Amino acid sequence: MTRIVLLRHGLSAHGAPTGWLLATDIENWRVEYDAAGIDSTSEPTALARRLATESSLIVASDLVRAQESAARIAVARILSIFPPI
């Protein structure tokens, strides 16, 4: 039986915005968030690591946080990287 498991990326190294934001502020924050990696203290759960070892394929978007998250759960495994939709 084929099974598809979806995991969300780890905690972003880019902080949440504070205070009032204009539309341009939100867009700038989003660009910076997409360029940021994963917080150095953010570790995958044991379940995420186990699921990765049981998987025949791991796919991630080309966003830095997605690639870093996938690499943390799939050390020494080949990853398929796809651009965001």
PDB file of N, CA and C in Angstrom:
ATOM      1  N   MET A   1       0.841  -1.173   0.000  1.00  0.00           N
ATOM      2  CA  MET A   1       0.000   0.000   0.000  1.00  0.00           C
ATOM      3  C   MET A   1       0.893   1.246   0.000  1.00  0.00           C
ATOM      4  N   THR A   2       0.571   2.179  -0.864  1.00  0.00           N
ATOM      5  CA  THR A   2       1.291   3.439  -0.925  1.00  0.00           C
ATOM      6  C   THR A   2       0.775   4.378   0.163  1.00  0.00           C
ATOM      7  N   ARG A   3       1.709   5.052   0.787  1.00  0.00           N
ATOM      8  CA  ARG A   3       1.342   6.005   1.843  1.00  0.00           C
ATOM      9  C   ARG A   3       2.094   7.302   1.592  1.00  0.00           C
ATOM     10  N   ILE A   4       1.381   8.415   1.697  1.00  0.00           N
ATOM     11  CA  ILE A   4       1.987   9.737   1.562  1.00  0.00           C
ATOM     12  C   ILE A   4       1.915  10.419   2.916  1.00  0.00           C
ATOM     13  N   VAL A   5       3.069  10.896   3.382  1.00  0.00           N
ATOM     14  CA  VAL A   5       3.154  11.578   4.673  1.00  0.00           C
ATOM     15  C   VAL A   5       3.612  13.008   4.415  1.00  0.00           C
ATOM     16  N   LEU A   6       2.899  13.966   4.974  1.00  0.00           N
ATOM     17  CA  LEU A   6       3.272  15.370   4.848  1.00  0.00           C
ATOM     18  C   LEU A   6       3.789  15.877   6.186  1.00  0.00           C
ATOM     19  N   LEU A   7       4.953  16.510   6.160  1.00  0.00           N
ATOM     20  CA  LEU A   7       5.526  17.096   7.369  1.00  0.00           C
ATOM     21  C   LEU A   7       5.782  18.571   7.114  1.00  0.00           C
ATOM     22  N   ARG A   8       5.525  19.366   8.108  1.00  0.00           N
ATOM     23  CA  ARG A   8       5.803  20.805   8.002  1.00  0.00           C
ATOM     24  C   ARG A   8       7.264  21.046   8.378  1.00  0.00           C
ATOM     25  N   HIS A   9       7.818  22.105   7.806  1.00  0.00           N
ATOM     26  CA  HIS A   9       9.210  22.441   8.080  1.00  0.00           C
ATOM     27  C   HIS A   9       9.414  22.807   9.545  1.00  0.00           C
ATOM     28  N   GLY A  10      10.668  22.789   9.978  1.00  0.00           N
ATOM     29  CA  GLY A  10      11.005  23.172  11.348  1.00  0.00           C
ATOM     30  C   GLY A  10      10.790  24.658  11.582  1.00  0.00           C
ATOM     31  N   LEU A  11      11.063  25.104  12.793  1.00  0.00           N
ATOM     32  CA  LEU A  11      10.882  26.514  13.149  1.00  0.00           C
ATOM     33  C   LEU A  11      11.822  27.402  12.334  1.00  0.00           C
ATOM     34  N   SER A  12      11.294  28.471  11.806  1.00  0.00           N
ATOM     35  CA  SER A  12      12.076  29.382  10.982  1.00  0.00           C
ATOM     36  C   SER A  12      13.076  30.180  11.822  1.00  0.00           C
ATOM     37  N   ALA A  13      14.208  30.465  11.226  1.00  0.00           N
ATOM     38  CA  ALA A  13      15.201  31.321  11.879  1.00  0.00           C
ATOM     39  C   ALA A  13      14.780  32.786  11.798  1.00  0.00           C
ATOM     40  N   HIS A  14      13.778  33.070  10.989  1.00  0.00           N
ATOM     41  CA  HIS A  14      13.292  34.445  10.834  1.00  0.00           C
ATOM     42  C   HIS A  14      12.153  34.689  11.810  1.00  0.00           C
ATOM     43  N   GLY A  15      12.259  35.713  12.600  1.00  0.00           N
ATOM     44  CA  GLY A  15      11.261  36.001  13.621  1.00  0.00           C
ATOM     45  C   GLY A  15       9.933  36.478  13.063  1.00  0.00           C
ATOM     46  N   ALA A  16       8.929  36.418  13.895  1.00  0.00           N
ATOM     47  CA  ALA A  16       7.599  36.893  13.529  1.00  0.00           C
ATOM     48  C   ALA A  16       7.581  38.419  13.550  1.00  0.00           C
ATOM     49  N   PRO A  17       6.782  39.021  12.672  1.00  0.00           N
ATOM     50  CA  PRO A  17       6.701  40.482  12.677  1.00  0.00           C
ATOM     51  C   PRO A  17       6.028  40.990  13.943  1.00  0.00           C
ATOM     52  N   THR A  18       6.361  42.207  14.321  1.00  0.00           N
ATOM     53  CA  THR A  18       5.752  42.824  15.502  1.00  0.00           C
ATOM     54  C   THR A  18       5.181  44.176  15.128  1.00  0.00           C
ATOM     55  N   GLY A  19       4.169  44.585  15.851  1.00  0.00           N
ATOM     56  CA  GLY A  19       3.574  45.894  15.625  1.00  0.00           C
ATOM     57  C   GLY A  19       2.742  45.945  14.359  1.00  0.00           C
ATOM     58  N   TRP A  20       2.367  47.171  13.998  1.00  0.00           N
ATOM     59  CA  TRP A  20       1.559  47.394  12.807  1.00  0.00           C
ATOM     60  C   TRP A  20       2.418  47.264  11.567  1.00  0.00           C
ATOM     61  N   LEU A  21       1.870  46.623  10.530  1.00  0.00           N
ATOM     62  CA  LEU A  21       2.603  46.452   9.279  1.00  0.00           C
ATOM     63  C   LEU A  21       1.786  46.986   8.111  1.00  0.00           C
ATOM     64  N   LEU A  22       2.450  47.666   7.218  1.00  0.00           N
ATOM     65  CA  LEU A  22       1.834  48.081   5.957  1.00  0.00           C
ATOM     66  C   LEU A  22       1.954  46.915   4.981  1.00  0.00           C
ATOM     67  N   ALA A  23       1.246  46.995   3.877  1.00  0.00           N
ATOM     68  CA  ALA A  23       1.304  45.924   2.881  1.00  0.00           C
ATOM     69  C   ALA A  23       2.733  45.676   2.420  1.00  0.00           C
ATOM     70  N   THR A  24       3.501  46.734   2.232  1.00  0.00           N
ATOM     71  CA  THR A  24       4.893  46.557   1.798  1.00  0.00           C
ATOM     72  C   THR A  24       5.726  45.885   2.891  1.00  0.00           C
ATOM     73  N   ASP A  25       5.421  46.175   4.152  1.00  0.00           N
ATOM     74  CA  ASP A  25       6.131  45.522   5.262  1.00  0.00           C
ATOM     75  C   ASP A  25       5.867  44.032   5.267  1.00  0.00           C
ATOM     76  N   ILE A  26       4.613  43.668   5.014  1.00  0.00           N
ATOM     77  CA  ILE A  26       4.239  42.248   4.990  1.00  0.00           C
ATOM     78  C   ILE A  26       4.957  41.541   3.861  1.00  0.00           C
ATOM     79  N   GLU A  27       5.000  42.163   2.693  1.00  0.00           N
ATOM     80  CA  GLU A  27       5.686  41.553   1.556  1.00  0.00           C
ATOM     81  C   GLU A  27       7.180  41.412   1.842  1.00  0.00           C
ATOM     82  N   ASN A  28       7.802  42.430   2.407  1.00  0.00           N
ATOM     83  CA  ASN A  28       9.228  42.346   2.755  1.00  0.00           C
ATOM     84  C   ASN A  28       9.476  41.240   3.771  1.00  0.00           C
ATOM     85  N   TRP A  29       8.598  41.121   4.769  1.00  0.00           N
ATOM     86  CA  TRP A  29       8.731  40.065   5.766  1.00  0.00           C
ATOM     87  C   TRP A  29       8.623  38.688   5.111  1.00  0.00           C
ATOM     88  N   ARG A  30       7.669  38.522   4.188  1.00  0.00           N
ATOM     89  CA  ARG A  30       7.476  37.240   3.514  1.00  0.00           C
ATOM     90  C   ARG A  30       8.718  36.861   2.711  1.00  0.00           C
ATOM     91  N   VAL A  31       9.297  37.817   2.005  1.00  0.00           N
ATOM     92  CA  VAL A  31      10.515  37.557   1.219  1.00  0.00           C
ATOM     93  C   VAL A  31      11.653  37.121   2.146  1.00  0.00           C
ATOM     94  N   GLU A  32      11.819  37.826   3.263  1.00  0.00           N
ATOM     95  CA  GLU A  32      12.864  37.471   4.227  1.00  0.00           C
ATOM     96  C   GLU A  32      12.587  36.108   4.867  1.00  0.00           C
ATOM     97  N   TYR A  33      11.321  35.827   5.163  1.00  0.00           N
ATOM     98  CA  TYR A  33      10.939  34.539   5.750  1.00  0.00           C
ATOM     99  C   TYR A  33      11.255  33.398   4.786  1.00  0.00           C
ATOM    100  N   ASP A  34      10.933  33.602   3.495  1.00  0.00           N
ATOM    101  CA  ASP A  34      11.209  32.567   2.499  1.00  0.00           C
ATOM    102  C   ASP A  34      12.700  32.339   2.296  1.00  0.00           C
ATOM    103  N   ALA A  35      13.512  33.368   2.526  1.00  0.00           N
ATOM    104  CA  ALA A  35      14.966  33.242   2.346  1.00  0.00           C
ATOM    105  C   ALA A  35      15.653  32.667   3.584  1.00  0.00           C
ATOM    106  N   ALA A  36      14.958  32.681   4.716  1.00  0.00           N
ATOM    107  CA  ALA A  36      15.566  32.219   5.973  1.00  0.00           C
ATOM    108  C   ALA A  36      15.586  30.695   6.045  1.00  0.00           C
ATOM    109  N   GLY A  37      16.537  30.198   6.780  1.00  0.00           N
ATOM    110  CA  GLY A  37      16.615  28.760   7.029  1.00  0.00           C
ATOM    111  C   GLY A  37      15.870  28.389   8.304  1.00  0.00           C
ATOM    112  N   ILE A  38      16.247  27.262   8.858  1.00  0.00           N
ATOM    113  CA  ILE A  38      15.632  26.741  10.070  1.00  0.00           C
ATOM    114  C   ILE A  38      16.440  27.189  11.280  1.00  0.00           C
ATOM    115  N   ASP A  39      15.740  27.493  12.345  1.00  0.00           N
ATOM    116  CA  ASP A  39      16.386  27.873  13.603  1.00  0.00           C
ATOM    117  C   ASP A  39      17.354  26.762  14.017  1.00  0.00           C
ATOM    118  N   SER A  40      18.536  27.143  14.463  1.00  0.00           N
ATOM    119  CA  SER A  40      19.569  26.153  14.799  1.00  0.00           C
ATOM    120  C   SER A  40      19.163  25.242  15.950  1.00  0.00           C
ATOM    121  N   THR A  41      18.201  25.654  16.759  1.00  0.00           N
ATOM    122  CA  THR A  41      17.755  24.814  17.879  1.00  0.00           C
ATOM    123  C   THR A  41      16.563  23.938  17.524  1.00  0.00           C
ATOM    124  N   SER A  42      16.030  24.087  16.315  1.00  0.00           N
ATOM    125  CA  SER A  42      14.855  23.323  15.892  1.00  0.00           C
ATOM    126  C   SER A  42      15.275  21.935  15.403  1.00  0.00           C
ATOM    127  N   GLU A  43      14.874  20.925  16.123  1.00  0.00           N
ATOM    128  CA  GLU A  43      15.219  19.550  15.762  1.00  0.00           C
ATOM    129  C   GLU A  43      13.956  18.763  15.403  1.00  0.00           C
ATOM    130  N   PRO A  44      14.049  17.873  14.424  1.00  0.00           N
ATOM    131  CA  PRO A  44      12.892  17.049  14.073  1.00  0.00           C
ATOM    132  C   PRO A  44      12.526  16.102  15.217  1.00  0.00           C
ATOM    133  N   THR A  45      11.274  15.741  15.265  1.00  0.00           N
ATOM    134  CA  THR A  45      10.827  14.789  16.278  1.00  0.00           C
ATOM    135  C   THR A  45      11.324  13.384  15.924  1.00  0.00           C
ATOM    136  N   ALA A  46      11.297  12.516  16.904  1.00  0.00           N
ATOM    137  CA  ALA A  46      11.674  11.117  16.663  1.00  0.00           C
ATOM    138  C   ALA A  46      10.748  10.496  15.619  1.00  0.00           C
ATOM    139  N   LEU A  47       9.477  10.858  15.666  1.00  0.00           N
ATOM    140  CA  LEU A  47       8.518  10.332  14.690  1.00  0.00           C
ATOM    141  C   LEU A  47       8.881  10.783  13.281  1.00  0.00           C
ATOM    142  N   ALA A  48       9.244  12.040  13.109  1.00  0.00           N
ATOM    143  CA  ALA A  48       9.629  12.535  11.782  1.00  0.00           C
ATOM    144  C   ALA A  48      10.851  11.795  11.261  1.00  0.00           C
ATOM    145  N   ARG A  49      11.827  11.569  12.114  1.00  0.00           N
ATOM    146  CA  ARG A  49      13.029  10.830  11.703  1.00  0.00           C
ATOM    147  C   ARG A  49      12.694   9.379  11.322  1.00  0.00           C
ATOM    148  N   ARG A  50      11.822   8.754  12.116  1.00  0.00           N
ATOM    149  CA  ARG A  50      11.432   7.370  11.818  1.00  0.00           C
ATOM    150  C   ARG A  50      10.697   7.288  10.486  1.00  0.00           C
ATOM    151  N   LEU A  51       9.756   8.200  10.261  1.00  0.00           N
ATOM    152  CA  LEU A  51       9.024   8.210   9.000  1.00  0.00           C
ATOM    153  C   LEU A  51       9.966   8.414   7.819  1.00  0.00           C
ATOM    154  N   ALA A  52      10.975   9.242   7.997  1.00  0.00           N
ATOM    155  CA  ALA A  52      11.945   9.479   6.924  1.00  0.00           C
ATOM    156  C   ALA A  52      12.738   8.216   6.606  1.00  0.00           C
ATOM    157  N   THR A  53      13.135   7.485   7.629  1.00  0.00           N
ATOM    158  CA  THR A  53      13.904   6.259   7.379  1.00  0.00           C
ATOM    159  C   THR A  53      13.051   5.182   6.718  1.00  0.00           C
ATOM    160  N   GLU A  54      11.747   5.239   6.919  1.00  0.00           N
ATOM    161  CA  GLU A  54      10.835   4.259   6.320  1.00  0.00           C
ATOM    162  C   GLU A  54      10.385   4.665   4.917  1.00  0.00           C
ATOM    163  N   SER A  55      10.725   5.869   4.492  1.00  0.00           N
ATOM    164  CA  SER A  55      10.252   6.386   3.210  1.00  0.00           C
ATOM    165  C   SER A  55      11.166   5.990   2.065  1.00  0.00           C
ATOM    166  N   SER A  56      10.566   5.761   0.904  1.00  0.00           N
ATOM    167  CA  SER A  56      11.367   5.460  -0.277  1.00  0.00           C
ATOM    168  C   SER A  56      11.723   6.729  -1.046  1.00  0.00           C
ATOM    169  N   LEU A  57      11.021   7.818  -0.758  1.00  0.00           N
ATOM    170  CA  LEU A  57      11.282   9.081  -1.437  1.00  0.00           C
ATOM    171  C   LEU A  57      10.947  10.229  -0.499  1.00  0.00           C
ATOM    172  N   ILE A  58      11.806  11.224  -0.481  1.00  0.00           N
ATOM    173  CA  ILE A  58      11.561  12.446   0.294  1.00  0.00           C
ATOM    174  C   ILE A  58      11.608  13.604  -0.687  1.00  0.00           C
ATOM    175  N   VAL A  59      10.564  14.410  -0.675  1.00  0.00           N
ATOM    176  CA  VAL A  59      10.430  15.524  -1.612  1.00  0.00           C
ATOM    177  C   VAL A  59      10.302  16.809  -0.805  1.00  0.00           C
ATOM    178  N   ALA A  60      10.978  17.860  -1.257  1.00  0.00           N
ATOM    179  CA  ALA A  60      10.901  19.164  -0.583  1.00  0.00           C
ATOM    180  C   ALA A  60      10.866  20.256  -1.637  1.00  0.00           C
ATOM    181  N   SER A  61      10.291  21.396  -1.290  1.00  0.00           N
ATOM    182  CA  SER A  61      10.334  22.541  -2.199  1.00  0.00           C
ATOM    183  C   SER A  61      11.754  23.098  -2.205  1.00  0.00           C
ATOM    184  N   ASP A  62      11.976  24.094  -3.046  1.00  0.00           N
ATOM    185  CA  ASP A  62      13.311  24.685  -3.105  1.00  0.00           C
ATOM    186  C   ASP A  62      13.498  25.827  -2.102  1.00  0.00           C
ATOM    187  N   LEU A  63      12.529  26.037  -1.216  1.00  0.00           N
ATOM    188  CA  LEU A  63      12.702  27.028  -0.161  1.00  0.00           C
ATOM    189  C   LEU A  63      13.749  26.524   0.831  1.00  0.00           C
ATOM    190  N   VAL A  64      14.576  27.426   1.324  1.00  0.00           N
ATOM    191  CA  VAL A  64      15.671  27.052   2.218  1.00  0.00           C
ATOM    192  C   VAL A  64      15.157  26.267   3.419  1.00  0.00           C
ATOM    193  N   ARG A  65      14.065  26.734   4.049  1.00  0.00           N
ATOM    194  CA  ARG A  65      13.560  26.055   5.249  1.00  0.00           C
ATOM    195  C   ARG A  65      13.092  24.634   4.940  1.00  0.00           C
ATOM    196  N   ALA A  66      12.533  24.419   3.766  1.00  0.00           N
ATOM    197  CA  ALA A  66      12.080  23.080   3.382  1.00  0.00           C
ATOM    198  C   ALA A  66      13.266  22.158   3.131  1.00  0.00           C
ATOM    199  N   GLN A  67      14.284  22.658   2.450  1.00  0.00           N
ATOM    200  CA  GLN A  67      15.474  21.851   2.177  1.00  0.00           C
ATOM    201  C   GLN A  67      16.215  21.503   3.464  1.00  0.00           C
ATOM    202  N   GLU A  68      16.363  22.500   4.364  1.00  0.00           N
ATOM    203  CA  GLU A  68      17.060  22.234   5.621  1.00  0.00           C
ATOM    204  C   GLU A  68      16.275  21.248   6.488  1.00  0.00           C
ATOM    205  N   SER A  69      14.966  21.370   6.512  1.00  0.00           N
ATOM    206  CA  SER A  69      14.148  20.440   7.296  1.00  0.00           C
ATOM    207  C   SER A  69      14.274  19.026   6.751  1.00  0.00           C
ATOM    208  N   ALA A  70      14.188  18.894   5.432  1.00  0.00           N
ATOM    209  CA  ALA A  70      14.305  17.574   4.816  1.00  0.00           C
ATOM    210  C   ALA A  70      15.677  16.966   5.079  1.00  0.00           C
ATOM    211  N   ALA A  71      16.715  17.789   4.993  1.00  0.00           N
ATOM    212  CA  ALA A  71      18.067  17.281   5.240  1.00  0.00           C
ATOM    213  C   ALA A  71      18.238  16.827   6.681  1.00  0.00           C
ATOM    214  N   ARG A  72      17.570  17.487   7.613  1.00  0.00           N
ATOM    215  CA  ARG A  72      17.697  17.109   9.026  1.00  0.00           C
ATOM    216  C   ARG A  72      17.011  15.788   9.343  1.00  0.00           C
ATOM    217  N   ILE A  73      15.979  15.451   8.595  1.00  0.00           N
ATOM    218  CA  ILE A  73      15.315  14.165   8.858  1.00  0.00           C
ATOM    219  C   ILE A  73      15.852  13.053   7.970  1.00  0.00           C
ATOM    220  N   ALA A  74      16.561  13.424   6.929  1.00  0.00           N
ATOM    221  CA  ALA A  74      17.006  12.419   5.962  1.00  0.00           C
ATOM    222  C   ALA A  74      18.503  12.516   5.708  1.00  0.00           C
ATOM    223  N   VAL A  75      19.279  12.524   6.744  1.00  0.00           N
ATOM    224  CA  VAL A  75      20.726  12.629   6.611  1.00  0.00           C
ATOM    225  C   VAL A  75      21.237  11.501   5.706  1.00  0.00           C
ATOM    226  N   ALA A  76      22.062  11.867   4.734  1.00  0.00           N
ATOM    227  CA  ALA A  76      22.682  10.920   3.796  1.00  0.00           C
ATOM    228  C   ALA A  76      21.689  10.274   2.846  1.00  0.00           C
ATOM    229  N   ARG A  77      20.518  10.851   2.688  1.00  0.00           N
ATOM    230  CA  ARG A  77      19.540  10.336   1.724  1.00  0.00           C
ATOM    231  C   ARG A  77      19.441  11.313   0.560  1.00  0.00           C
ATOM    232  N   ILE A  78      19.077  10.828  -0.580  1.00  0.00           N
ATOM    233  CA  ILE A  78      18.881  11.692  -1.744  1.00  0.00           C
ATOM    234  C   ILE A  78      17.505  12.339  -1.636  1.00  0.00           C
ATOM    235  N   LEU A  79      17.480  13.635  -1.815  1.00  0.00           N
ATOM    236  CA  LEU A  79      16.222  14.382  -1.743  1.00  0.00           C
ATOM    237  C   LEU A  79      15.828  14.846  -3.131  1.00  0.00           C
ATOM    238  N   SER A  80      14.549  14.898  -3.381  1.00  0.00           N
ATOM    239  CA  SER A  80      14.039  15.495  -4.614  1.00  0.00           C
ATOM    240  C   SER A  80      13.588  16.905  -4.261  1.00  0.00           C
ATOM    241  N   ILE A  81      14.162  17.898  -4.923  1.00  0.00           N
ATOM    242  CA  ILE A  81      13.852  19.291  -4.648  1.00  0.00           C
ATOM    243  C   ILE A  81      13.026  19.839  -5.808  1.00  0.00           C
ATOM    244  N   PHE A  82      11.896  20.435  -5.474  1.00  0.00           N
ATOM    245  CA  PHE A  82      11.032  21.013  -6.482  1.00  0.00           C
ATOM    246  C   PHE A  82      10.756  22.469  -6.168  1.00  0.00           C
ATOM    247  N   PRO A  83      10.633  23.322  -7.201  1.00  0.00           N
ATOM    248  CA  PRO A  83      10.295  24.730  -6.934  1.00  0.00           C
ATOM    249  C   PRO A  83       8.875  24.832  -6.395  1.00  0.00           C
ATOM    250  N   PRO A  84       8.599  25.900  -5.645  1.00  0.00           N
ATOM    251  CA  PRO A  84       7.244  26.072  -5.123  1.00  0.00           C
ATOM    252  C   PRO A  84       6.250  26.286  -6.258  1.00  0.00           C
ATOM    253  N   ILE A  85       5.043  25.922  -6.014  1.00  0.00           N
ATOM    254  CA  ILE A  85       3.980  26.066  -7.028  1.00  0.00           C
ATOM    255  C   ILE A  85       3.556  27.504  -7.104  1.00  0.00           C
TER     256      ILE A  85
END
